[in-house]
């Protein structure tokens, strides 16, 4: 999934690549949260599998676009720290919600809502300020094409 969405983000820009991945994840979580027939759970699994490793791939490229290749590793280390915090806090919060509601549906609904917030935040990302070659999509958007 990483190379597919990474290549797509090269074409349409990092912000829209991230927004698209978060939209796929929001759909996956919303389907898991809904009380639908089991076929929709498999669809949710498929959506999640398609997008699962795309965020780190696009983030590496976006960080490099913003800080340059010489500082990208350090900057990605900081981002990875916050990924780790989320990977610890998220399951704990999901467990607390499941204990209180008796189901993981509310946890998946919360994940879907947070993914929707991530779509909005991604759409607000600014193009890099440094003198770098922008992604093809960013160059088209900047030129109005």
C-alpha atoms as a PDB file:
ATOM      1  CA  UNK A   1       0.000   0.000   0.000  1.00  0.00           C
ATOM      2  CA  UNK A   2       2.871   2.385   0.734  1.00  0.00           C
ATOM      3  CA  UNK A   3       4.343   2.428  -2.770  1.00  0.00           C
ATOM      4  CA  UNK A   4       0.913   2.819  -4.388  1.00  0.00           C
ATOM      5  CA  UNK A   5      -0.165   5.819  -2.308  1.00  0.00           C
ATOM      6  CA  UNK A   6       3.389   7.176  -2.227  1.00  0.00           C
ATOM      7  CA  UNK A   7       3.458   7.239  -6.020  1.00  0.00           C
ATOM      8  CA  UNK A   8      -0.021   8.749  -6.054  1.00  0.00           C
ATOM      9  CA  UNK A   9       1.129  11.472  -3.644  1.00  0.00           C
ATOM     10  CA  UNK A  10       3.996  12.226  -6.038  1.00  0.00           C
ATOM     11  CA  UNK A  11       1.366  12.958  -8.679  1.00  0.00           C
ATOM     12  CA  UNK A  12      -1.409  14.703  -6.732  1.00  0.00           C
ATOM     13  CA  UNK A  13       0.619  16.194  -3.876  1.00  0.00           C
ATOM     14  CA  UNK A  14       1.330  15.120  -0.315  1.00  0.00           C
ATOM     15  CA  UNK A  15      -1.674  16.837   1.250  1.00  0.00           C
ATOM     16  CA  UNK A  16      -4.172  15.216  -1.104  1.00  0.00           C
ATOM     17  CA  UNK A  17      -2.387  11.869  -0.905  1.00  0.00           C
ATOM     18  CA  UNK A  18      -2.676  11.962   2.894  1.00  0.00           C
ATOM     19  CA  UNK A  19      -6.287  13.128   2.717  1.00  0.00           C
ATOM     20  CA  UNK A  20      -7.142  10.243   0.396  1.00  0.00           C
ATOM     21  CA  UNK A  21      -5.481   7.676   2.656  1.00  0.00           C
ATOM     22  CA  UNK A  22      -7.304   9.060   5.685  1.00  0.00           C
ATOM     23  CA  UNK A  23     -10.586   8.905   3.729  1.00  0.00           C
ATOM     24  CA  UNK A  24     -10.005   5.221   2.965  1.00  0.00           C
ATOM     25  CA  UNK A  25      -9.171   4.619   6.634  1.00  0.00           C
ATOM     26  CA  UNK A  26     -12.257   6.557   7.776  1.00  0.00           C
ATOM     27  CA  UNK A  27     -14.398   4.345   5.537  1.00  0.00           C
ATOM     28  CA  UNK A  28     -12.729   1.223   6.928  1.00  0.00           C
ATOM     29  CA  UNK A  29     -13.331   2.282  10.525  1.00  0.00           C
ATOM     30  CA  UNK A  30     -16.908   3.415   9.852  1.00  0.00           C
ATOM     31  CA  UNK A  31     -17.751   0.073   8.251  1.00  0.00           C
ATOM     32  CA  UNK A  32     -16.256  -1.754  11.240  1.00  0.00           C
ATOM     33  CA  UNK A  33     -18.275   0.433  13.628  1.00  0.00           C
ATOM     34  CA  UNK A  34     -21.589  -0.114  11.840  1.00  0.00           C
ATOM     35  CA  UNK A  35     -23.846  -3.021  12.618  1.00  0.00           C
ATOM     36  CA  UNK A  36     -23.825  -4.362   9.053  1.00  0.00           C
ATOM     37  CA  UNK A  37     -23.678  -7.851   7.525  1.00  0.00           C
ATOM     38  CA  UNK A  38     -20.294  -9.605   7.705  1.00  0.00           C
ATOM     39  CA  UNK A  39     -19.508  -8.828   4.045  1.00  0.00           C
ATOM     40  CA  UNK A  40     -19.051  -5.189   5.060  1.00  0.00           C
ATOM     41  CA  UNK A  41     -16.521  -6.221   7.698  1.00  0.00           C
ATOM     42  CA  UNK A  42     -14.488  -7.877   4.942  1.00  0.00           C
ATOM     43  CA  UNK A  43     -14.797  -4.693   2.897  1.00  0.00           C
ATOM     44  CA  UNK A  44     -13.525  -2.766   5.929  1.00  0.00           C
ATOM     45  CA  UNK A  45     -10.560  -5.132   6.211  1.00  0.00           C
ATOM     46  CA  UNK A  46      -9.837  -4.638   2.509  1.00  0.00           C
ATOM     47  CA  UNK A  47      -9.942  -0.844   2.823  1.00  0.00           C
ATOM     48  CA  UNK A  48      -7.666  -0.925   5.836  1.00  0.00           C
ATOM     49  CA  UNK A  49      -5.233  -3.261   4.089  1.00  0.00           C
ATOM     50  CA  UNK A  50      -5.061  -0.984   1.063  1.00  0.00           C
ATOM     51  CA  UNK A  51      -4.165   2.045   3.188  1.00  0.00           C
ATOM     52  CA  UNK A  52      -2.374   0.529   6.206  1.00  0.00           C
ATOM     53  CA  UNK A  53       1.245   1.435   5.444  1.00  0.00           C
ATOM     54  CA  UNK A  54       0.611   4.498   3.328  1.00  0.00           C
ATOM     55  CA  UNK A  55       0.820   7.142   6.048  1.00  0.00           C
ATOM     56  CA  UNK A  56       4.488   6.498   6.950  1.00  0.00           C
ATOM     57  CA  UNK A  57       5.434   6.379   3.270  1.00  0.00           C
ATOM     58  CA  UNK A  58       3.812   9.718   2.476  1.00  0.00           C
ATOM     59  CA  UNK A  59       5.074  11.274   5.708  1.00  0.00           C
ATOM     60  CA  UNK A  60       8.691  10.379   4.869  1.00  0.00           C
ATOM     61  CA  UNK A  61       8.284  12.085   1.490  1.00  0.00           C
ATOM     62  CA  UNK A  62       6.472  15.095   2.981  1.00  0.00           C
ATOM     63  CA  UNK A  63       9.078  15.576   5.695  1.00  0.00           C
ATOM     64  CA  UNK A  64      11.853  15.394   3.119  1.00  0.00           C
ATOM     65  CA  UNK A  65       9.988  17.931   0.957  1.00  0.00           C
ATOM     66  CA  UNK A  66       9.748  20.352   3.901  1.00  0.00           C
ATOM     67  CA  UNK A  67      13.121  20.020   5.613  1.00  0.00           C
ATOM     68  CA  UNK A  68      15.311  18.602   2.858  1.00  0.00           C
ATOM     69  CA  UNK A  69      16.983  15.224   2.659  1.00  0.00           C
ATOM     70  CA  UNK A  70      19.814  16.259   4.977  1.00  0.00           C
ATOM     71  CA  UNK A  71      17.433  16.803   7.940  1.00  0.00           C
ATOM     72  CA  UNK A  72      14.682  14.358   6.996  1.00  0.00           C
ATOM     73  CA  UNK A  73      15.828  11.488   9.219  1.00  0.00           C
ATOM     74  CA  UNK A  74      15.862  13.604  12.374  1.00  0.00           C
ATOM     75  CA  UNK A  75      12.487  15.148  11.576  1.00  0.00           C
ATOM     76  CA  UNK A  76      10.978  11.762  10.793  1.00  0.00           C
ATOM     77  CA  UNK A  77      12.328  10.507  14.123  1.00  0.00           C
ATOM     78  CA  UNK A  78      10.260  13.174  15.893  1.00  0.00           C
ATOM     79  CA  UNK A  79       7.168  12.221  13.903  1.00  0.00           C
ATOM     80  CA  UNK A  80       7.782   8.537  14.635  1.00  0.00           C
ATOM     81  CA  UNK A  81       7.849   9.340  18.360  1.00  0.00           C
ATOM     82  CA  UNK A  82       4.344  10.803  18.080  1.00  0.00           C
ATOM     83  CA  UNK A  83       3.204   7.819  15.972  1.00  0.00           C
ATOM     84  CA  UNK A  84       4.383   5.673  18.887  1.00  0.00           C
ATOM     85  CA  UNK A  85       2.460   7.740  21.432  1.00  0.00           C
ATOM     86  CA  UNK A  86      -0.665   7.262  19.330  1.00  0.00           C
ATOM     87  CA  UNK A  87      -0.025   3.537  19.014  1.00  0.00           C
ATOM     88  CA  UNK A  88       0.098   3.259  22.801  1.00  0.00           C
ATOM     89  CA  UNK A  89      -2.745   5.653  23.619  1.00  0.00           C
ATOM     90  CA  UNK A  90      -5.140   4.522  20.862  1.00  0.00           C
ATOM     91  CA  UNK A  91      -5.589   0.901  21.953  1.00  0.00           C
ATOM     92  CA  UNK A  92      -5.834   1.979  25.599  1.00  0.00           C
ATOM     93  CA  UNK A  93      -8.603   4.457  24.737  1.00  0.00           C
ATOM     94  CA  UNK A  94     -10.322   1.844  22.571  1.00  0.00           C
ATOM     95  CA  UNK A  95     -10.262  -0.608  25.463  1.00  0.00           C
ATOM     96  CA  UNK A  96     -11.722   1.932  27.866  1.00  0.00           C
ATOM     97  CA  UNK A  97     -14.516   2.750  25.395  1.00  0.00           C
ATOM     98  CA  UNK A  98     -15.200  -0.951  24.802  1.00  0.00           C
ATOM     99  CA  UNK A  99     -15.374  -1.594  28.556  1.00  0.00           C
ATOM    100  CA  UNK A 100     -17.822   1.265  29.034  1.00  0.00           C
ATOM    101  CA  UNK A 101     -20.040   0.478  26.040  1.00  0.00           C
ATOM    102  CA  UNK A 102     -19.701  -3.309  25.880  1.00  0.00           C
ATOM    103  CA  UNK A 103     -18.564  -3.193  22.244  1.00  0.00           C
ATOM    104  CA  UNK A 104     -15.683  -2.031  20.112  1.00  0.00           C
ATOM    105  CA  UNK A 105     -18.114  -0.245  17.771  1.00  0.00           C
ATOM    106  CA  UNK A 106     -17.670   3.015  19.637  1.00  0.00           C
ATOM    107  CA  UNK A 107     -13.884   2.636  19.366  1.00  0.00           C
ATOM    108  CA  UNK A 108     -14.109   2.206  15.613  1.00  0.00           C
ATOM    109  CA  UNK A 109     -16.521   5.158  15.405  1.00  0.00           C
ATOM    110  CA  UNK A 110     -14.005   7.285  17.325  1.00  0.00           C
ATOM    111  CA  UNK A 111     -11.239   6.151  14.944  1.00  0.00           C
ATOM    112  CA  UNK A 112     -13.440   7.078  11.964  1.00  0.00           C
ATOM    113  CA  UNK A 113     -14.113  10.518  13.439  1.00  0.00           C
ATOM    114  CA  UNK A 114     -10.401  11.100  14.072  1.00  0.00           C
ATOM    115  CA  UNK A 115      -9.622  10.017  10.503  1.00  0.00           C
ATOM    116  CA  UNK A 116     -12.121  12.621   9.256  1.00  0.00           C
ATOM    117  CA  UNK A 117     -10.324  15.235  11.362  1.00  0.00           C
ATOM    118  CA  UNK A 118      -7.064  14.042   9.798  1.00  0.00           C
ATOM    119  CA  UNK A 119      -8.561  14.583   6.326  1.00  0.00           C
ATOM    120  CA  UNK A 120      -9.292  18.201   7.236  1.00  0.00           C
ATOM    121  CA  UNK A 121      -5.857  18.743   8.767  1.00  0.00           C
ATOM    122  CA  UNK A 122      -4.182  17.168   5.718  1.00  0.00           C
ATOM    123  CA  UNK A 123      -6.071  19.511   3.420  1.00  0.00           C
ATOM    124  CA  UNK A 124      -4.638  22.459   5.377  1.00  0.00           C
ATOM    125  CA  UNK A 125      -1.011  21.397   4.912  1.00  0.00           C
ATOM    126  CA  UNK A 126       0.993  24.008   3.095  1.00  0.00           C
ATOM    127  CA  UNK A 127       3.423  23.230   0.292  1.00  0.00           C
ATOM    128  CA  UNK A 128       7.083  23.234   1.324  1.00  0.00           C
ATOM    129  CA  UNK A 129       8.719  26.663   1.678  1.00  0.00           C
ATOM    130  CA  UNK A 130      12.214  25.526   0.843  1.00  0.00           C
ATOM    131  CA  UNK A 131      13.591  25.630  -2.677  1.00  0.00           C
ATOM    132  CA  UNK A 132      12.746  22.070  -3.602  1.00  0.00           C
ATOM    133  CA  UNK A 133      11.111  20.490  -6.572  1.00  0.00           C
ATOM    134  CA  UNK A 134       7.442  20.168  -5.620  1.00  0.00           C
ATOM    135  CA  UNK A 135       5.467  17.024  -6.250  1.00  0.00           C
ATOM    136  CA  UNK A 136       3.827  17.097  -9.663  1.00  0.00           C
ATOM    137  CA  UNK A 137       0.355  17.542  -8.173  1.00  0.00           C
ATOM    138  CA  UNK A 138       1.502  20.395  -5.922  1.00  0.00           C
ATOM    139  CA  UNK A 139       3.037  22.160  -8.943  1.00  0.00           C
ATOM    140  CA  UNK A 140      -0.212  21.774 -10.906  1.00  0.00           C
ATOM    141  CA  UNK A 141      -2.309  23.035  -7.990  1.00  0.00           C
ATOM    142  CA  UNK A 142       0.003  26.020  -7.450  1.00  0.00           C
ATOM    143  CA  UNK A 143      -0.175  26.961 -11.117  1.00  0.00           C
ATOM    144  CA  UNK A 144      -3.960  26.640 -11.193  1.00  0.00           C
ATOM    145  CA  UNK A 145      -4.037  23.715 -13.610  1.00  0.00           C
END
